[in-house]
Amino acid sequence: MLPRIISDIFMFKRKKSGGLTFIAQGTQLKGESEFTEEALISGELYGNIQSTNNITIEKAGLIDGVLDCQELRVSGTFRGKLHCNKLNITSTGIVDGEVTCQSMEIFEGGQFIGMRVREEVAFLPANKKEIPAAKPTEQLEDSQLTTDCSH
């Protein structure tokens, strides 16, 4: 009886998975693409790609263009401009381009060619007090710049 209870517990705690977009090997897509669920790329994708989820480029897969996603795992090739929270380059992966990400992991054999760009970071003050706005600087006329040193 115990094994059945344990399997029932695991069944109810499993995360329901959403849809998966799969671009098969031999498929080429060009233009603008948008993914709301996870995407698995084994074919070739060219253009501007927006995703609110994770994207995986398989060993034979290629993305060439501008990509904005949550997490990118590269076993194939990415070329272009990337903005993501987490980048993972596997031992067979190649990333060539400009990358903006919070976290990057490159496994032995993985290649990163290009540059990593940091986003503008707004630093908060150490204490919670409001910092007063700076006063506008005054412009002085040349006649106001003379000083009287006779005092």
N, C-alpha and C. Protein backbone atom coordinates (compact mmCIF):
# COMPACT_ATOMS: atom_id res chain seq x y z
N MET A 1 0.82 -1.21 0.00
CA MET A 1 0.00 0.00 0.00
C MET A 1 0.86 1.26 0.00
N LEU A 2 1.99 1.24 0.67
CA LEU A 2 2.86 2.42 0.76
C LEU A 2 3.35 2.91 -0.60
N PRO A 3 3.81 2.06 -1.51
CA PRO A 3 4.27 2.56 -2.81
C PRO A 3 3.18 3.32 -3.56
N ARG A 4 1.93 2.88 -3.46
CA ARG A 4 0.84 3.57 -4.16
C ARG A 4 0.65 4.98 -3.59
N ILE A 5 0.73 5.13 -2.28
CA ILE A 5 0.58 6.44 -1.65
C ILE A 5 1.70 7.37 -2.11
N ILE A 6 2.92 6.88 -2.13
CA ILE A 6 4.04 7.71 -2.57
C ILE A 6 3.88 8.12 -4.02
N SER A 7 3.47 7.21 -4.88
CA SER A 7 3.29 7.58 -6.29
C SER A 7 2.17 8.59 -6.44
N ASP A 8 1.10 8.47 -5.62
CA ASP A 8 0.02 9.45 -5.68
C ASP A 8 0.51 10.83 -5.25
N ILE A 9 1.36 10.89 -4.23
CA ILE A 9 1.90 12.17 -3.77
C ILE A 9 2.72 12.81 -4.89
N PHE A 10 3.59 12.02 -5.53
CA PHE A 10 4.40 12.58 -6.61
C PHE A 10 3.54 13.02 -7.79
N MET A 11 2.47 12.30 -8.04
CA MET A 11 1.61 12.65 -9.15
C MET A 11 0.99 14.04 -8.92
N PHE A 12 0.56 14.32 -7.69
CA PHE A 12 -0.09 15.60 -7.42
C PHE A 12 0.91 16.75 -7.29
N LYS A 13 2.16 16.47 -6.96
CA LYS A 13 3.14 17.53 -6.79
C LYS A 13 3.86 17.87 -8.09
N ARG A 14 3.66 17.06 -9.12
CA ARG A 14 4.35 17.34 -10.39
C ARG A 14 3.85 18.64 -10.98
N LYS A 15 4.77 19.38 -11.52
CA LYS A 15 4.42 20.65 -12.14
C LYS A 15 3.78 20.36 -13.50
N LYS A 16 2.67 20.97 -13.74
CA LYS A 16 2.05 20.80 -15.05
C LYS A 16 2.88 21.56 -16.07
N SER A 17 3.18 20.89 -17.15
CA SER A 17 3.98 21.56 -18.17
C SER A 17 3.04 22.17 -19.20
N GLY A 18 3.50 23.29 -19.74
CA GLY A 18 2.73 23.95 -20.77
C GLY A 18 3.08 23.36 -22.12
N GLY A 19 2.82 24.11 -23.15
CA GLY A 19 3.13 23.65 -24.50
C GLY A 19 4.62 23.76 -24.79
N LEU A 20 5.00 23.14 -25.89
CA LEU A 20 6.39 23.18 -26.34
C LEU A 20 6.38 23.43 -27.83
N THR A 21 7.15 24.43 -28.26
CA THR A 21 7.31 24.68 -29.68
C THR A 21 8.58 23.99 -30.14
N PHE A 22 8.47 23.19 -31.21
CA PHE A 22 9.61 22.45 -31.72
C PHE A 22 9.84 22.84 -33.17
N ILE A 23 11.04 23.34 -33.46
CA ILE A 23 11.45 23.64 -34.84
C ILE A 23 12.37 22.50 -35.26
N ALA A 24 11.89 21.63 -36.14
CA ALA A 24 12.61 20.41 -36.50
C ALA A 24 13.82 20.69 -37.39
N GLN A 25 14.79 19.78 -37.32
CA GLN A 25 15.98 19.84 -38.17
C GLN A 25 15.53 19.84 -39.63
N GLY A 26 16.15 20.69 -40.44
CA GLY A 26 15.77 20.82 -41.85
C GLY A 26 14.77 21.94 -42.09
N THR A 27 14.20 22.51 -41.02
CA THR A 27 13.24 23.61 -41.13
C THR A 27 13.97 24.94 -41.02
N GLN A 28 13.62 25.90 -41.90
CA GLN A 28 14.16 27.25 -41.84
C GLN A 28 13.00 28.23 -41.70
N LEU A 29 13.08 29.09 -40.69
CA LEU A 29 12.08 30.13 -40.50
C LEU A 29 12.78 31.48 -40.50
N LYS A 30 12.21 32.44 -41.23
CA LYS A 30 12.79 33.78 -41.30
C LYS A 30 11.72 34.80 -40.96
N GLY A 31 12.14 35.86 -40.22
CA GLY A 31 11.20 36.92 -39.87
C GLY A 31 11.10 37.09 -38.37
N GLU A 32 9.94 37.60 -37.93
CA GLU A 32 9.71 37.82 -36.51
C GLU A 32 8.96 36.63 -35.92
N SER A 33 9.44 36.15 -34.76
CA SER A 33 8.81 35.02 -34.08
C SER A 33 8.57 35.39 -32.63
N GLU A 34 7.49 34.84 -32.07
CA GLU A 34 7.19 35.05 -30.66
C GLU A 34 6.76 33.73 -30.05
N PHE A 35 7.39 33.37 -28.90
CA PHE A 35 7.08 32.14 -28.20
C PHE A 35 6.60 32.48 -26.80
N THR A 36 5.50 31.86 -26.39
CA THR A 36 5.01 32.06 -25.02
C THR A 36 5.34 30.86 -24.14
N GLU A 37 5.62 29.72 -24.74
CA GLU A 37 6.01 28.51 -24.01
C GLU A 37 7.44 28.18 -24.37
N GLU A 38 7.98 27.12 -23.79
CA GLU A 38 9.35 26.72 -24.09
C GLU A 38 9.48 26.37 -25.57
N ALA A 39 10.69 26.60 -26.10
CA ALA A 39 10.94 26.29 -27.50
C ALA A 39 12.21 25.46 -27.62
N LEU A 40 12.18 24.48 -28.51
CA LEU A 40 13.29 23.59 -28.78
C LEU A 40 13.63 23.74 -30.26
N ILE A 41 14.84 24.25 -30.53
CA ILE A 41 15.22 24.57 -31.90
C ILE A 41 16.24 23.56 -32.40
N SER A 42 15.85 22.75 -33.39
CA SER A 42 16.77 21.84 -34.06
C SER A 42 17.00 22.29 -35.49
N GLY A 43 16.15 23.18 -35.97
CA GLY A 43 16.28 23.73 -37.32
C GLY A 43 16.99 25.08 -37.27
N GLU A 44 16.66 25.95 -38.23
CA GLU A 44 17.29 27.27 -38.33
C GLU A 44 16.22 28.35 -38.20
N LEU A 45 16.53 29.35 -37.38
CA LEU A 45 15.62 30.44 -37.12
C LEU A 45 16.38 31.74 -37.33
N TYR A 46 15.88 32.60 -38.24
CA TYR A 46 16.54 33.86 -38.56
C TYR A 46 15.58 35.02 -38.28
N GLY A 47 16.09 36.10 -37.66
CA GLY A 47 15.26 37.28 -37.44
C GLY A 47 15.17 37.69 -35.99
N ASN A 48 14.08 38.39 -35.67
CA ASN A 48 13.82 38.86 -34.31
C ASN A 48 12.94 37.86 -33.60
N ILE A 49 13.42 37.39 -32.45
CA ILE A 49 12.69 36.37 -31.70
C ILE A 49 12.43 36.89 -30.28
N GLN A 50 11.18 36.86 -29.86
CA GLN A 50 10.77 37.25 -28.51
C GLN A 50 10.20 36.03 -27.82
N SER A 51 10.59 35.83 -26.56
CA SER A 51 10.04 34.72 -25.80
C SER A 51 9.88 35.12 -24.35
N THR A 52 8.79 34.71 -23.75
CA THR A 52 8.57 34.93 -22.33
C THR A 52 8.98 33.70 -21.54
N ASN A 53 9.66 32.77 -22.21
CA ASN A 53 10.01 31.51 -21.59
C ASN A 53 11.43 31.11 -21.98
N ASN A 54 11.77 29.84 -21.83
CA ASN A 54 13.11 29.34 -22.11
C ASN A 54 13.22 28.81 -23.54
N ILE A 55 14.42 28.93 -24.10
CA ILE A 55 14.69 28.41 -25.44
C ILE A 55 15.93 27.52 -25.37
N THR A 56 15.87 26.39 -26.06
CA THR A 56 17.00 25.48 -26.16
C THR A 56 17.35 25.31 -27.63
N ILE A 57 18.62 25.55 -27.95
CA ILE A 57 19.11 25.31 -29.30
C ILE A 57 19.83 23.97 -29.27
N GLU A 58 19.28 23.00 -29.99
CA GLU A 58 19.87 21.67 -30.05
C GLU A 58 21.17 21.69 -30.86
N LYS A 59 21.90 20.58 -30.85
CA LYS A 59 23.21 20.48 -31.49
C LYS A 59 23.19 20.90 -32.96
N ALA A 60 22.16 20.53 -33.70
CA ALA A 60 22.06 20.89 -35.12
C ALA A 60 21.35 22.22 -35.33
N GLY A 61 20.87 22.86 -34.25
CA GLY A 61 20.06 24.06 -34.36
C GLY A 61 20.87 25.34 -34.50
N LEU A 62 20.22 26.36 -35.07
CA LEU A 62 20.85 27.67 -35.28
C LEU A 62 19.80 28.76 -35.08
N ILE A 63 20.17 29.77 -34.30
CA ILE A 63 19.40 31.02 -34.25
C ILE A 63 20.35 32.12 -34.66
N ASP A 64 19.93 32.91 -35.65
CA ASP A 64 20.73 34.02 -36.17
C ASP A 64 19.85 35.25 -36.17
N GLY A 65 20.13 36.19 -35.26
CA GLY A 65 19.31 37.39 -35.19
C GLY A 65 19.34 38.01 -33.82
N VAL A 66 18.22 38.62 -33.44
CA VAL A 66 18.07 39.27 -32.14
C VAL A 66 17.10 38.42 -31.32
N LEU A 67 17.55 38.02 -30.13
CA LEU A 67 16.76 37.12 -29.29
C LEU A 67 16.60 37.71 -27.90
N ASP A 68 15.37 37.72 -27.41
CA ASP A 68 15.06 38.14 -26.05
C ASP A 68 14.27 37.01 -25.40
N CYS A 69 14.84 36.39 -24.35
CA CYS A 69 14.16 35.27 -23.69
C CYS A 69 14.56 35.21 -22.22
N GLN A 70 13.94 34.30 -21.47
CA GLN A 70 14.27 34.13 -20.06
C GLN A 70 15.59 33.41 -19.89
N GLU A 71 15.69 32.21 -20.50
CA GLU A 71 16.90 31.40 -20.37
C GLU A 71 17.20 30.78 -21.73
N LEU A 72 18.47 30.82 -22.11
CA LEU A 72 18.89 30.21 -23.37
C LEU A 72 19.93 29.15 -23.08
N ARG A 73 19.67 27.94 -23.58
CA ARG A 73 20.62 26.83 -23.47
C ARG A 73 21.07 26.51 -24.89
N VAL A 74 22.39 26.61 -25.13
CA VAL A 74 22.92 26.45 -26.48
C VAL A 74 23.79 25.21 -26.58
N SER A 75 23.33 24.26 -27.39
CA SER A 75 24.15 23.11 -27.76
C SER A 75 24.54 23.21 -29.23
N GLY A 76 23.85 24.06 -29.96
CA GLY A 76 24.13 24.32 -31.37
C GLY A 76 24.82 25.66 -31.51
N THR A 77 24.23 26.56 -32.33
CA THR A 77 24.86 27.86 -32.61
C THR A 77 23.86 29.00 -32.45
N PHE A 78 24.31 30.05 -31.77
CA PHE A 78 23.58 31.31 -31.72
C PHE A 78 24.49 32.40 -32.27
N ARG A 79 23.99 33.20 -33.22
CA ARG A 79 24.72 34.35 -33.74
C ARG A 79 23.81 35.56 -33.67
N GLY A 80 24.33 36.66 -33.12
CA GLY A 80 23.53 37.87 -33.08
C GLY A 80 23.58 38.58 -31.76
N LYS A 81 22.43 39.16 -31.40
CA LYS A 81 22.31 39.95 -30.18
C LYS A 81 21.34 39.24 -29.25
N LEU A 82 21.79 38.98 -28.02
CA LEU A 82 21.00 38.20 -27.07
C LEU A 82 20.76 39.00 -25.80
N HIS A 83 19.53 38.95 -25.31
CA HIS A 83 19.17 39.52 -24.01
C HIS A 83 18.39 38.44 -23.27
N CYS A 84 18.95 37.98 -22.13
CA CYS A 84 18.28 36.94 -21.35
C CYS A 84 18.70 37.04 -19.89
N ASN A 85 18.01 36.31 -19.03
CA ASN A 85 18.40 36.26 -17.62
C ASN A 85 19.55 35.29 -17.41
N LYS A 86 19.49 34.13 -18.09
CA LYS A 86 20.52 33.11 -17.90
C LYS A 86 20.92 32.51 -19.24
N LEU A 87 22.23 32.41 -19.45
CA LEU A 87 22.79 31.79 -20.66
C LEU A 87 23.59 30.58 -20.25
N ASN A 88 23.34 29.46 -20.91
CA ASN A 88 24.05 28.21 -20.65
C ASN A 88 24.59 27.71 -21.98
N ILE A 89 25.93 27.65 -22.10
CA ILE A 89 26.56 27.15 -23.32
C ILE A 89 27.13 25.77 -23.00
N THR A 90 26.61 24.74 -23.67
CA THR A 90 27.06 23.38 -23.41
C THR A 90 28.39 23.13 -24.12
N SER A 91 28.91 21.92 -23.99
CA SER A 91 30.21 21.58 -24.56
C SER A 91 30.24 21.65 -26.08
N THR A 92 29.08 21.58 -26.74
CA THR A 92 29.04 21.67 -28.20
C THR A 92 28.49 23.02 -28.68
N GLY A 93 28.15 23.90 -27.75
CA GLY A 93 27.51 25.16 -28.09
C GLY A 93 28.47 26.26 -28.51
N ILE A 94 27.98 27.12 -29.41
CA ILE A 94 28.73 28.29 -29.87
C ILE A 94 27.81 29.51 -29.79
N VAL A 95 28.26 30.54 -29.09
CA VAL A 95 27.54 31.81 -29.05
C VAL A 95 28.47 32.87 -29.61
N ASP A 96 28.03 33.54 -30.67
CA ASP A 96 28.84 34.53 -31.36
C ASP A 96 28.02 35.81 -31.46
N GLY A 97 28.40 36.83 -30.66
CA GLY A 97 27.66 38.08 -30.72
C GLY A 97 27.72 38.86 -29.44
N GLU A 98 26.72 39.71 -29.27
CA GLU A 98 26.62 40.59 -28.11
C GLU A 98 25.59 40.02 -27.15
N VAL A 99 26.01 39.81 -25.91
CA VAL A 99 25.15 39.15 -24.92
C VAL A 99 24.93 40.07 -23.72
N THR A 100 23.68 40.22 -23.34
CA THR A 100 23.31 40.90 -22.11
C THR A 100 22.56 39.89 -21.26
N CYS A 101 23.15 39.50 -20.12
CA CYS A 101 22.51 38.50 -19.27
C CYS A 101 22.93 38.69 -17.82
N GLN A 102 22.13 38.15 -16.92
CA GLN A 102 22.43 38.21 -15.49
C GLN A 102 23.41 37.11 -15.11
N SER A 103 23.29 35.95 -15.74
CA SER A 103 24.09 34.79 -15.38
C SER A 103 24.55 34.07 -16.65
N MET A 104 25.82 33.65 -16.66
CA MET A 104 26.36 32.94 -17.82
C MET A 104 27.15 31.73 -17.34
N GLU A 105 26.92 30.58 -17.98
CA GLU A 105 27.63 29.36 -17.65
C GLU A 105 28.13 28.74 -18.95
N ILE A 106 29.44 28.47 -19.00
CA ILE A 106 30.03 27.87 -20.20
C ILE A 106 30.72 26.58 -19.79
N PHE A 107 30.27 25.47 -20.37
CA PHE A 107 30.89 24.18 -20.08
C PHE A 107 32.14 24.02 -20.92
N GLU A 108 33.05 23.13 -20.47
CA GLU A 108 34.29 22.88 -21.19
C GLU A 108 33.96 22.46 -22.62
N GLY A 109 34.59 23.13 -23.57
CA GLY A 109 34.34 22.87 -24.98
C GLY A 109 33.39 23.88 -25.59
N GLY A 110 32.54 24.51 -24.77
CA GLY A 110 31.63 25.54 -25.27
C GLY A 110 32.40 26.79 -25.66
N GLN A 111 31.89 27.52 -26.65
CA GLN A 111 32.60 28.69 -27.16
C GLN A 111 31.73 29.94 -27.05
N PHE A 112 32.34 31.00 -26.54
CA PHE A 112 31.71 32.31 -26.49
C PHE A 112 32.61 33.27 -27.24
N ILE A 113 32.12 33.77 -28.37
CA ILE A 113 32.88 34.69 -29.22
C ILE A 113 32.07 35.99 -29.26
N GLY A 114 32.66 37.06 -28.81
CA GLY A 114 31.91 38.32 -28.82
C GLY A 114 32.13 39.08 -27.54
N MET A 115 31.07 39.76 -27.10
CA MET A 115 31.22 40.53 -25.86
C MET A 115 29.95 40.45 -25.03
N ARG A 116 30.18 40.57 -23.74
CA ARG A 116 29.08 40.60 -22.79
C ARG A 116 28.88 42.04 -22.37
N VAL A 117 27.66 42.51 -22.44
CA VAL A 117 27.32 43.89 -22.15
C VAL A 117 26.49 43.92 -20.87
N ARG A 118 26.81 44.87 -20.01
CA ARG A 118 26.03 45.03 -18.78
C ARG A 118 24.92 46.03 -19.01
N GLU A 119 23.77 45.75 -18.40
CA GLU A 119 22.67 46.69 -18.46
C GLU A 119 22.95 47.83 -17.50
N GLU A 120 22.28 48.94 -17.73
CA GLU A 120 22.38 50.05 -16.79
C GLU A 120 21.78 49.61 -15.47
N VAL A 121 22.51 49.75 -14.40
CA VAL A 121 22.04 49.34 -13.09
C VAL A 121 21.76 50.58 -12.26
N ALA A 122 20.54 50.70 -11.76
CA ALA A 122 20.19 51.82 -10.90
C ALA A 122 20.46 51.40 -9.45
N PHE A 123 21.47 51.98 -8.85
CA PHE A 123 21.81 51.64 -7.48
C PHE A 123 20.91 52.40 -6.52
N LEU A 124 20.43 51.71 -5.53
CA LEU A 124 19.60 52.34 -4.52
C LEU A 124 20.49 52.87 -3.41
N PRO A 125 20.07 53.96 -2.76
CA PRO A 125 20.88 54.47 -1.64
C PRO A 125 20.93 53.43 -0.52
N ALA A 126 22.00 53.50 0.27
CA ALA A 126 22.20 52.54 1.36
C ALA A 126 21.12 52.68 2.43
N ASN A 127 20.70 53.91 2.71
CA ASN A 127 19.63 54.10 3.68
C ASN A 127 18.34 54.40 2.94
N LYS A 128 17.23 54.34 3.64
CA LYS A 128 15.93 54.49 3.00
C LYS A 128 15.49 55.95 2.88
N LYS A 129 16.30 56.89 3.39
CA LYS A 129 15.92 58.29 3.31
C LYS A 129 15.95 58.76 1.86
N GLU A 130 15.07 59.70 1.57
CA GLU A 130 15.08 60.25 0.23
C GLU A 130 16.28 61.17 0.06
N ILE A 131 16.87 61.08 -1.08
CA ILE A 131 18.00 61.96 -1.38
C ILE A 131 17.43 63.20 -2.05
N PRO A 132 17.72 64.39 -1.49
CA PRO A 132 17.16 65.60 -2.08
C PRO A 132 17.72 65.82 -3.48
N ALA A 133 16.87 66.37 -4.33
CA ALA A 133 17.30 66.64 -5.70
C ALA A 133 18.38 67.73 -5.68
N ALA A 134 19.29 67.62 -6.59
CA ALA A 134 20.36 68.61 -6.70
C ALA A 134 19.77 69.94 -7.16
N LYS A 135 20.31 71.02 -6.62
CA LYS A 135 19.85 72.33 -7.02
C LYS A 135 20.43 72.65 -8.39
N PRO A 136 19.64 73.34 -9.21
CA PRO A 136 20.18 73.69 -10.52
C PRO A 136 21.36 74.65 -10.35
N THR A 137 22.35 74.49 -11.19
CA THR A 137 23.52 75.37 -11.10
C THR A 137 23.18 76.71 -11.73
N GLU A 138 23.75 77.75 -11.13
CA GLU A 138 23.51 79.09 -11.64
C GLU A 138 24.57 79.43 -12.68
N GLN A 139 24.16 80.21 -13.65
CA GLN A 139 25.14 80.70 -14.59
C GLN A 139 25.51 82.12 -14.16
N LEU A 140 26.80 82.33 -14.06
CA LEU A 140 27.27 83.64 -13.65
C LEU A 140 27.74 84.42 -14.87
N GLU A 141 27.48 85.69 -14.85
CA GLU A 141 27.97 86.56 -15.92
C GLU A 141 29.43 86.88 -15.64
N ASP A 142 30.18 87.25 -16.64
CA ASP A 142 31.59 87.60 -16.48
C ASP A 142 31.76 88.72 -15.45
N SER A 143 30.82 89.67 -15.41
CA SER A 143 30.93 90.78 -14.46
C SER A 143 30.80 90.31 -13.01
N GLN A 144 30.15 89.18 -12.77
CA GLN A 144 30.00 88.65 -11.41
C GLN A 144 31.22 87.87 -10.96
N LEU A 145 32.12 87.57 -11.83
CA LEU A 145 33.27 86.75 -11.50
C LEU A 145 34.42 87.55 -10.89
N THR A 146 34.38 88.88 -10.91
CA THR A 146 35.47 89.66 -10.32
C THR A 146 35.36 89.60 -8.82
N THR A 147 36.48 89.53 -8.16
CA THR A 147 36.49 89.46 -6.69
C THR A 147 37.20 90.68 -6.14
N ASP A 148 36.81 91.02 -4.95
CA ASP A 148 37.44 92.14 -4.25
C ASP A 148 38.29 91.55 -3.16
N CYS A 149 39.60 91.66 -3.29
CA CYS A 149 40.52 91.05 -2.33
C CYS A 149 41.04 92.09 -1.33
N SER A 150 40.42 93.25 -1.18
CA SER A 150 40.93 94.29 -0.29
C SER A 150 40.51 94.08 1.16
N HIS A 151 39.75 93.11 1.51
CA HIS A 151 39.31 92.91 2.89
C HIS A 151 40.40 92.47 3.75
